[in-house]
């Protein structure tokens, strides 16, 4: 029996972990499969304790620093100070948390961390793949087209780590089906790929991206960002872009503005300007500031709330469900393909979902899949915000 356990442990050590390479998060395995995996891990773990002292323990995320407030400072300044400390303790390769007022876009707290002068200001630099945050753009384009509703169901197979032609054709392998709303909450890449090639084209997808700030100079006070969306060539490239695998980069500042646009029912925050650049359309923003329809924004808001409770952000943010409807969020995960080896995780959204006080973007980039991700950062940021508010209101 001991020889069998040792064999399992050795096999577990020799098989490398597969990091997600795609724009969408890896979906949960079926319960039976998860149970088998847990049992195997438990056996392997027991074997390591007995005979493998050479394995290196994974560095745990640093404990969240205690929240000590200075009431003489604005709440945002105190909040930023705590976020700065969190980054300093956890030391990712790059990180940023940007919170803005949903109506005006005025910065509430902007905290960033860099370990490399190559990207001096991660909060305003579009050096990171947009990953599944781009599914917000794709969803807006699908809903505005009119043919697709949140409940529209699509059957699929595969696509967790990449999208290939086989994932985009209906076949007998398609034994799982998800609505657009469910695919958004669980970041199901194959569903977005199929919907894009059936109901969108490159021009319509890029046009929606540019309407929402890509390929433009986004200015907010003294802050400026330029996110990019490159026109895809061919159906496969279109599907990959729609799912968030390729053709787009995003600055955290822009991510926070995307959250604010959804929070305000499709309106551009009053203090934000979008100027055309390069090949971007010169079409002016609607005088009312409307970028997407109120109905489309409302449907995306509902999907983002589901994401924080039952979707890819649930394990980080479900605890806030009782605070004004919880958090409205979209997550993203993607390994950079520029040779940097960066593993990028995102959260973009607003809080509270029912009456938003701020929109935000959280980015954490590490060398390989590190112990700290955007979900940890977002949870800490919201926890700290609530504690500071309670302290200033004289509550325990």
Protein backbone atom coordinates (compact mmCIF):
# COMPACT_ATOMS: atom_id res chain seq x y z
CA UNK A 1 0.00 0.00 0.00
CA UNK A 2 2.86 2.36 0.90
CA UNK A 3 4.42 1.71 -2.52
CA UNK A 4 1.14 2.61 -4.23
CA UNK A 5 0.79 5.87 -2.28
CA UNK A 6 4.41 6.77 -3.04
CA UNK A 7 3.79 6.13 -6.74
CA UNK A 8 0.81 8.48 -6.69
CA UNK A 9 2.91 11.17 -5.00
CA UNK A 10 5.73 10.84 -7.53
CA UNK A 11 3.25 11.04 -10.42
CA UNK A 12 1.70 14.17 -8.93
CA UNK A 13 5.11 15.82 -8.73
CA UNK A 14 6.11 14.88 -12.28
CA UNK A 15 2.95 16.12 -14.01
CA UNK A 16 3.22 19.93 -14.39
CA UNK A 17 0.26 22.08 -13.43
CA UNK A 18 -1.49 23.62 -16.42
CA UNK A 19 -1.88 27.37 -16.03
CA UNK A 20 -4.82 28.85 -17.88
CA UNK A 21 -3.62 30.31 -21.15
CA UNK A 22 -6.94 31.68 -22.29
CA UNK A 23 -8.97 34.80 -21.83
CA UNK A 24 -11.55 33.03 -19.72
CA UNK A 25 -11.14 31.43 -16.35
CA UNK A 26 -10.91 27.66 -16.13
CA UNK A 27 -14.40 26.35 -15.44
CA UNK A 28 -15.19 24.15 -12.46
CA UNK A 29 -14.80 20.44 -13.07
CA UNK A 30 -17.81 18.16 -12.58
CA UNK A 31 -18.35 17.28 -8.91
CA UNK A 32 -17.33 13.65 -9.35
CA UNK A 33 -14.09 14.67 -11.03
CA UNK A 34 -13.36 17.26 -8.34
CA UNK A 35 -13.88 14.64 -5.63
CA UNK A 36 -11.41 12.26 -7.32
CA UNK A 37 -8.87 15.07 -7.70
CA UNK A 38 -9.20 16.05 -4.03
CA UNK A 39 -8.76 12.42 -2.96
CA UNK A 40 -5.63 12.06 -5.08
CA UNK A 41 -4.23 15.32 -3.70
CA UNK A 42 -4.91 14.18 -0.15
CA UNK A 43 -3.03 10.92 -0.76
CA UNK A 44 -0.16 12.73 -2.43
CA UNK A 45 -0.03 15.22 0.41
CA UNK A 46 0.22 12.41 2.94
CA UNK A 47 3.05 10.80 1.01
CA UNK A 48 4.96 14.09 0.88
CA UNK A 49 4.81 14.48 4.64
CA UNK A 50 6.29 10.98 5.06
CA UNK A 51 9.04 10.93 2.53
CA UNK A 52 9.47 14.06 0.40
CA UNK A 53 11.09 16.90 2.29
CA UNK A 54 12.52 18.43 -0.90
CA UNK A 55 9.22 19.87 -2.15
CA UNK A 56 9.06 23.65 -1.87
CA UNK A 57 5.96 25.04 -0.13
CA UNK A 58 4.07 27.68 -2.03
CA UNK A 59 4.57 31.16 -0.61
CA UNK A 60 1.28 32.15 1.04
CA UNK A 61 -0.30 35.51 0.43
CA UNK A 62 0.69 38.03 3.09
CA UNK A 63 -1.87 38.67 5.78
CA UNK A 64 -3.99 41.75 5.22
CA UNK A 65 -2.60 44.64 7.29
CA UNK A 66 -4.72 45.96 10.15
CA UNK A 67 -6.93 48.89 9.19
CA UNK A 68 -5.89 51.99 11.12
CA UNK A 69 -7.61 55.18 10.05
CA UNK A 70 -6.54 58.81 10.14
CA UNK A 71 -9.84 60.75 10.15
CA UNK A 72 -8.00 63.97 9.32
CA UNK A 73 -7.43 62.59 5.80
CA UNK A 74 -10.11 62.14 3.14
CA UNK A 75 -11.43 58.59 3.11
CA UNK A 76 -9.91 57.99 -0.33
CA UNK A 77 -6.44 59.02 0.85
CA UNK A 78 -6.63 56.67 3.83
CA UNK A 79 -7.94 53.90 1.59
CA UNK A 80 -5.07 54.40 -0.87
CA UNK A 81 -2.53 54.20 1.95
CA UNK A 82 -3.87 50.79 2.98
CA UNK A 83 -3.87 49.56 -0.60
CA UNK A 84 -0.26 50.71 -0.99
CA UNK A 85 0.66 48.70 2.11
CA UNK A 86 -1.11 45.64 0.75
CA UNK A 87 0.92 45.79 -2.46
CA UNK A 88 4.16 46.34 -0.53
CA UNK A 89 3.50 43.26 1.59
CA UNK A 90 2.50 40.97 -1.28
CA UNK A 91 4.94 42.29 -3.90
CA UNK A 92 3.46 41.20 -7.26
CA UNK A 93 5.40 41.93 -10.42
CA UNK A 94 2.84 44.66 -11.23
CA UNK A 95 -0.40 45.66 -9.58
CA UNK A 96 -3.03 48.37 -9.59
CA UNK A 97 -6.31 49.20 -7.95
CA UNK A 98 -8.23 52.15 -9.40
CA UNK A 99 -11.49 53.36 -7.85
CA UNK A 100 -13.46 56.24 -9.36
CA UNK A 101 -16.75 58.02 -8.77
CA UNK A 102 -19.33 56.42 -11.05
CA UNK A 103 -21.03 59.68 -12.03
CA UNK A 104 -18.07 62.01 -12.56
CA UNK A 105 -15.16 59.63 -12.93
CA UNK A 106 -13.25 61.56 -10.27
CA UNK A 107 -10.51 59.36 -8.77
CA UNK A 108 -11.36 58.07 -5.30
CA UNK A 109 -8.24 55.96 -4.75
CA UNK A 110 -5.47 55.05 -7.19
CA UNK A 111 -2.84 52.62 -5.92
CA UNK A 112 -0.21 50.93 -8.05
CA UNK A 113 2.88 48.77 -7.59
CA UNK A 114 5.75 47.98 -9.93
CA UNK A 115 8.84 45.85 -9.56
CA UNK A 116 10.15 46.75 -13.00
CA UNK A 117 10.81 50.16 -14.52
CA UNK A 118 9.57 48.77 -17.85
CA UNK A 119 6.07 49.67 -16.65
CA UNK A 120 6.46 52.65 -14.34
CA UNK A 121 2.72 53.31 -13.89
CA UNK A 122 0.65 50.13 -14.18
CA UNK A 123 -2.59 51.96 -13.30
CA UNK A 124 -2.57 53.97 -16.53
CA UNK A 125 -0.54 51.74 -18.88
CA UNK A 126 -2.27 49.38 -21.31
CA UNK A 127 0.55 46.86 -21.20
CA UNK A 128 -1.70 44.04 -20.02
CA UNK A 129 -4.04 41.81 -22.06
CA UNK A 130 -7.69 42.68 -21.50
CA UNK A 131 -8.43 38.95 -21.13
CA UNK A 132 -12.06 38.14 -20.28
CA UNK A 133 -12.80 41.75 -19.38
CA UNK A 134 -13.25 42.07 -23.15
CA UNK A 135 -16.34 39.87 -22.81
CA UNK A 136 -18.08 43.01 -21.51
CA UNK A 137 -17.50 44.55 -24.95
CA UNK A 138 -18.64 41.42 -26.75
CA UNK A 139 -21.77 41.16 -24.59
CA UNK A 140 -22.66 44.79 -25.28
CA UNK A 141 -22.27 44.21 -29.03
CA UNK A 142 -24.42 41.06 -28.93
CA UNK A 143 -27.18 42.70 -26.88
CA UNK A 144 -27.21 45.86 -28.97
CA UNK A 145 -27.52 43.73 -32.11
CA UNK A 146 -30.95 42.60 -30.89
CA UNK A 147 -30.78 38.93 -31.90
CA UNK A 148 -29.26 37.73 -28.63
CA UNK A 149 -30.85 37.89 -25.19
CA UNK A 150 -29.34 37.03 -21.77
CA UNK A 151 -31.28 33.74 -21.86
CA UNK A 152 -30.13 32.69 -25.35
CA UNK A 153 -28.61 29.22 -24.91
CA UNK A 154 -25.60 27.81 -26.77
CA UNK A 155 -24.21 24.28 -26.47
CA UNK A 156 -20.46 23.79 -26.42
CA UNK A 157 -17.48 21.61 -25.51
CA UNK A 158 -13.93 22.54 -24.48
CA UNK A 159 -12.38 25.97 -24.86
CA UNK A 160 -11.23 26.48 -21.26
CA UNK A 161 -7.57 27.09 -22.13
CA UNK A 162 -7.76 28.08 -25.80
CA UNK A 163 -10.14 28.34 -28.72
CA UNK A 164 -9.59 26.18 -31.79
CA UNK A 165 -11.81 25.59 -34.86
CA UNK A 166 -13.17 22.39 -33.30
CA UNK A 167 -14.63 24.39 -30.41
CA UNK A 168 -16.60 26.64 -32.75
CA UNK A 169 -18.52 23.99 -34.68
CA UNK A 170 -21.61 22.23 -33.37
CA UNK A 171 -20.93 18.54 -32.78
CA UNK A 172 -21.95 15.53 -30.71
CA UNK A 173 -19.31 16.56 -28.18
CA UNK A 174 -21.43 19.59 -27.23
CA UNK A 175 -23.02 18.05 -24.15
CA UNK A 176 -23.06 21.23 -22.06
CA UNK A 177 -25.21 24.28 -22.76
CA UNK A 178 -25.17 27.77 -21.25
CA UNK A 179 -27.15 30.96 -21.69
CA UNK A 180 -25.32 34.17 -22.50
CA UNK A 181 -25.81 35.21 -18.86
CA UNK A 182 -24.38 31.93 -17.60
CA UNK A 183 -21.46 32.07 -20.03
CA UNK A 184 -20.68 35.60 -18.83
CA UNK A 185 -20.73 34.59 -15.16
CA UNK A 186 -18.58 31.51 -15.74
CA UNK A 187 -16.45 33.03 -18.53
CA UNK A 188 -17.27 30.22 -20.99
CA UNK A 189 -15.01 30.94 -23.93
CA UNK A 190 -16.53 28.55 -26.48
CA UNK A 191 -19.99 30.10 -26.06
CA UNK A 192 -18.63 33.60 -26.71
CA UNK A 193 -16.64 32.34 -29.68
CA UNK A 194 -19.67 30.69 -31.26
CA UNK A 195 -21.94 33.68 -30.65
CA UNK A 196 -19.37 36.07 -32.14
CA UNK A 197 -18.96 34.23 -35.43
CA UNK A 198 -22.73 33.74 -35.75
CA UNK A 199 -23.94 37.22 -34.83
CA UNK A 200 -21.00 39.66 -35.11
CA UNK A 201 -18.23 40.54 -37.51
CA UNK A 202 -14.84 42.18 -37.02
CA UNK A 203 -16.15 45.65 -37.84
CA UNK A 204 -19.03 45.54 -35.36
CA UNK A 205 -16.90 44.14 -32.54
CA UNK A 206 -14.12 46.70 -32.97
CA UNK A 207 -16.68 49.50 -33.38
CA UNK A 208 -18.19 48.61 -29.97
CA UNK A 209 -14.72 48.45 -28.44
CA UNK A 210 -13.92 51.93 -29.78
CA UNK A 211 -17.26 53.28 -28.62
CA UNK A 212 -16.32 52.09 -25.13
CA UNK A 213 -12.89 53.68 -25.17
CA UNK A 214 -10.43 51.38 -26.96
CA UNK A 215 -8.16 52.94 -29.61
CA UNK A 216 -8.82 56.33 -28.03
CA UNK A 217 -7.03 58.58 -25.58
CA UNK A 218 -9.00 58.33 -22.37
CA UNK A 219 -8.46 61.34 -20.11
CA UNK A 220 -9.60 61.79 -16.55
CA UNK A 221 -8.17 64.92 -14.95
CA UNK A 222 -4.38 64.52 -15.12
CA UNK A 223 -4.65 60.78 -15.76
CA UNK A 224 -4.50 59.36 -19.27
CA UNK A 225 -4.68 55.85 -20.78
CA UNK A 226 -4.74 54.30 -24.26
CA UNK A 227 -6.15 50.77 -24.49
CA UNK A 228 -5.90 48.95 -27.80
CA UNK A 229 -8.22 46.73 -29.85
CA UNK A 230 -6.78 45.27 -33.08
CA UNK A 231 -9.16 44.25 -35.86
CA UNK A 232 -9.22 40.42 -36.13
CA UNK A 233 -8.69 38.69 -39.46
CA UNK A 234 -10.88 35.65 -40.02
CA UNK A 235 -13.50 33.77 -38.01
CA UNK A 236 -11.09 32.10 -35.59
CA UNK A 237 -9.39 35.41 -34.76
CA UNK A 238 -12.82 37.01 -34.28
CA UNK A 239 -13.88 34.25 -31.88
CA UNK A 240 -10.64 34.48 -29.92
CA UNK A 241 -10.93 38.25 -29.62
CA UNK A 242 -14.57 38.04 -28.53
CA UNK A 243 -13.64 35.59 -25.77
CA UNK A 244 -10.69 37.73 -24.66
CA UNK A 245 -7.78 35.60 -25.86
CA UNK A 246 -6.18 38.13 -28.21
CA UNK A 247 -6.19 41.49 -29.98
CA UNK A 248 -6.83 43.75 -26.97
CA UNK A 249 -4.91 45.41 -24.16
CA UNK A 250 -6.38 47.31 -21.23
CA UNK A 251 -5.22 49.91 -18.71
CA UNK A 252 -6.71 49.61 -15.20
CA UNK A 253 -7.90 53.24 -15.40
CA UNK A 254 -9.92 52.32 -18.48
CA UNK A 255 -11.20 49.20 -16.71
CA UNK A 256 -12.62 51.35 -13.91
CA UNK A 257 -14.32 53.58 -16.49
CA UNK A 258 -15.90 50.49 -18.09
CA UNK A 259 -17.30 49.59 -14.67
CA UNK A 260 -18.69 53.11 -14.29
CA UNK A 261 -20.36 52.99 -17.73
CA UNK A 262 -22.32 49.89 -16.74
CA UNK A 263 -23.06 51.31 -13.27
CA UNK A 264 -24.61 54.48 -14.70
CA UNK A 265 -26.84 52.68 -17.18
CA UNK A 266 -24.59 53.09 -20.22
CA UNK A 267 -23.39 56.68 -19.71
CA UNK A 268 -19.83 57.98 -19.88
CA UNK A 269 -18.82 59.60 -16.56
CA UNK A 270 -19.02 63.37 -16.94
CA UNK A 271 -15.35 64.00 -16.19
CA UNK A 272 -14.02 61.47 -18.72
CA UNK A 273 -13.16 62.37 -22.31
CA UNK A 274 -12.47 59.99 -25.20
CA UNK A 275 -10.37 61.42 -28.04
CA UNK A 276 -9.84 59.50 -31.32
CA UNK A 277 -6.36 58.21 -32.02
CA UNK A 278 -4.80 56.29 -34.89
CA UNK A 279 -7.40 54.32 -36.83
CA UNK A 280 -10.18 54.88 -34.30
CA UNK A 281 -13.48 56.21 -35.57
CA UNK A 282 -13.80 59.97 -35.38
CA UNK A 283 -17.48 59.65 -34.44
CA UNK A 284 -18.20 61.95 -31.51
CA UNK A 285 -19.65 60.66 -28.28
CA UNK A 286 -23.41 61.14 -28.05
CA UNK A 287 -24.09 64.61 -26.53
CA UNK A 288 -25.97 62.88 -23.72
CA UNK A 289 -22.88 60.80 -22.95
CA UNK A 290 -24.72 57.55 -23.78
CA UNK A 291 -22.43 54.80 -25.05
CA UNK A 292 -24.73 51.75 -24.81
CA UNK A 293 -28.45 51.43 -24.29
CA UNK A 294 -29.89 51.52 -20.80
CA UNK A 295 -31.37 48.07 -21.36
CA UNK A 296 -28.03 46.54 -22.41
CA UNK A 297 -26.31 48.13 -19.41
CA UNK A 298 -29.00 46.77 -17.07
CA UNK A 299 -28.60 43.26 -18.45
CA UNK A 300 -24.81 43.42 -18.11
CA UNK A 301 -25.18 44.68 -14.54
CA UNK A 302 -27.31 41.62 -13.71
CA UNK A 303 -24.70 39.31 -15.22
CA UNK A 304 -21.92 41.01 -13.24
CA UNK A 305 -23.82 40.56 -9.97
CA UNK A 306 -24.28 36.86 -10.74
CA UNK A 307 -20.54 36.59 -11.43
CA UNK A 308 -19.76 37.75 -7.89
CA UNK A 309 -22.12 35.26 -6.26
CA UNK A 310 -22.33 32.12 -8.41
CA UNK A 311 -19.65 32.72 -11.05
CA UNK A 312 -15.89 33.07 -11.33
CA UNK A 313 -15.68 35.69 -8.55
CA UNK A 314 -17.91 33.88 -6.07
CA UNK A 315 -15.15 32.51 -3.86
CA UNK A 316 -13.78 36.02 -3.35
CA UNK A 317 -16.83 38.28 -3.31
CA UNK A 318 -19.95 36.31 -2.35
CA UNK A 319 -19.47 37.50 1.24
CA UNK A 320 -20.56 41.02 0.18
CA UNK A 321 -23.98 39.88 -1.07
CA UNK A 322 -25.75 41.58 1.85
CA UNK A 323 -24.12 44.96 1.17
CA UNK A 324 -26.40 46.82 -1.25
CA UNK A 325 -26.86 43.90 -3.60
CA UNK A 326 -23.23 42.82 -3.45
CA UNK A 327 -20.53 43.46 -6.03
CA UNK A 328 -21.04 43.73 -9.80
CA UNK A 329 -17.90 42.37 -11.44
CA UNK A 330 -16.26 40.72 -14.45
CA UNK A 331 -13.12 38.68 -14.02
CA UNK A 332 -10.28 37.93 -16.40
CA UNK A 333 -7.20 35.69 -16.48
CA UNK A 334 -4.57 35.50 -19.20
CA UNK A 335 -0.86 34.77 -19.53
CA UNK A 336 0.96 37.44 -21.54
CA UNK A 337 2.28 36.31 -24.92
CA UNK A 338 4.99 38.97 -25.19
CA UNK A 339 7.69 36.77 -23.65
CA UNK A 340 7.37 38.38 -20.21
CA UNK A 341 5.79 35.30 -18.64
CA UNK A 342 3.32 37.49 -16.75
CA UNK A 343 0.22 35.80 -15.37
CA UNK A 344 -2.43 38.53 -15.31
CA UNK A 345 -5.64 38.46 -13.28
CA UNK A 346 -8.35 41.12 -13.44
CA UNK A 347 -11.51 42.24 -11.72
CA UNK A 348 -13.55 45.16 -13.09
CA UNK A 349 -16.86 46.37 -11.71
CA UNK A 350 -18.58 48.54 -9.11
CA UNK A 351 -19.81 48.44 -5.50
CA UNK A 352 -22.41 48.27 -4.10
CA UNK A 353 -24.29 46.84 -7.07
CA UNK A 354 -27.64 48.47 -6.29
CA UNK A 355 -26.42 52.00 -5.44
CA UNK A 356 -22.78 52.20 -6.56
CA UNK A 357 -20.36 54.32 -4.52
CA UNK A 358 -17.40 53.60 -6.76
CA UNK A 359 -16.38 51.73 -9.91
CA UNK A 360 -13.06 49.92 -9.88
CA UNK A 361 -10.46 47.87 -11.68
CA UNK A 362 -8.06 45.51 -9.93
CA UNK A 363 -5.01 44.05 -11.69
CA UNK A 364 -2.38 41.68 -10.33
CA UNK A 365 0.45 40.46 -12.58
CA UNK A 366 2.88 37.83 -11.31
CA UNK A 367 5.61 35.64 -12.75
CA UNK A 368 3.65 32.46 -13.10
CA UNK A 369 0.51 31.77 -11.10
CA UNK A 370 1.39 33.50 -7.84
CA UNK A 371 -0.44 33.28 -4.49
CA UNK A 372 -2.05 36.71 -4.84
CA UNK A 373 -4.64 37.41 -7.52
CA UNK A 374 -7.00 40.23 -8.40
CA UNK A 375 -9.71 38.51 -6.38
CA UNK A 376 -7.65 38.77 -3.19
CA UNK A 377 -6.90 42.42 -3.94
CA UNK A 378 -10.54 43.28 -4.65
CA UNK A 379 -11.78 41.53 -1.52
CA UNK A 380 -9.22 43.36 0.60
CA UNK A 381 -10.02 46.69 -1.04
CA UNK A 382 -13.77 46.40 -0.41
CA UNK A 383 -13.24 45.09 3.14
CA UNK A 384 -10.98 48.05 3.90
CA UNK A 385 -13.40 50.54 2.36
CA UNK A 386 -16.25 49.24 4.53
CA UNK A 387 -14.14 49.23 7.70
CA UNK A 388 -13.02 52.80 7.10
CA UNK A 389 -16.61 53.90 6.52
CA UNK A 390 -17.83 52.17 9.67
CA UNK A 391 -15.03 53.70 11.73
CA UNK A 392 -15.88 57.17 10.51
CA UNK A 393 -19.55 56.58 11.27
CA UNK A 394 -18.64 55.62 14.86
CA UNK A 395 -19.57 51.94 14.41
CA UNK A 396 -17.60 49.01 15.71
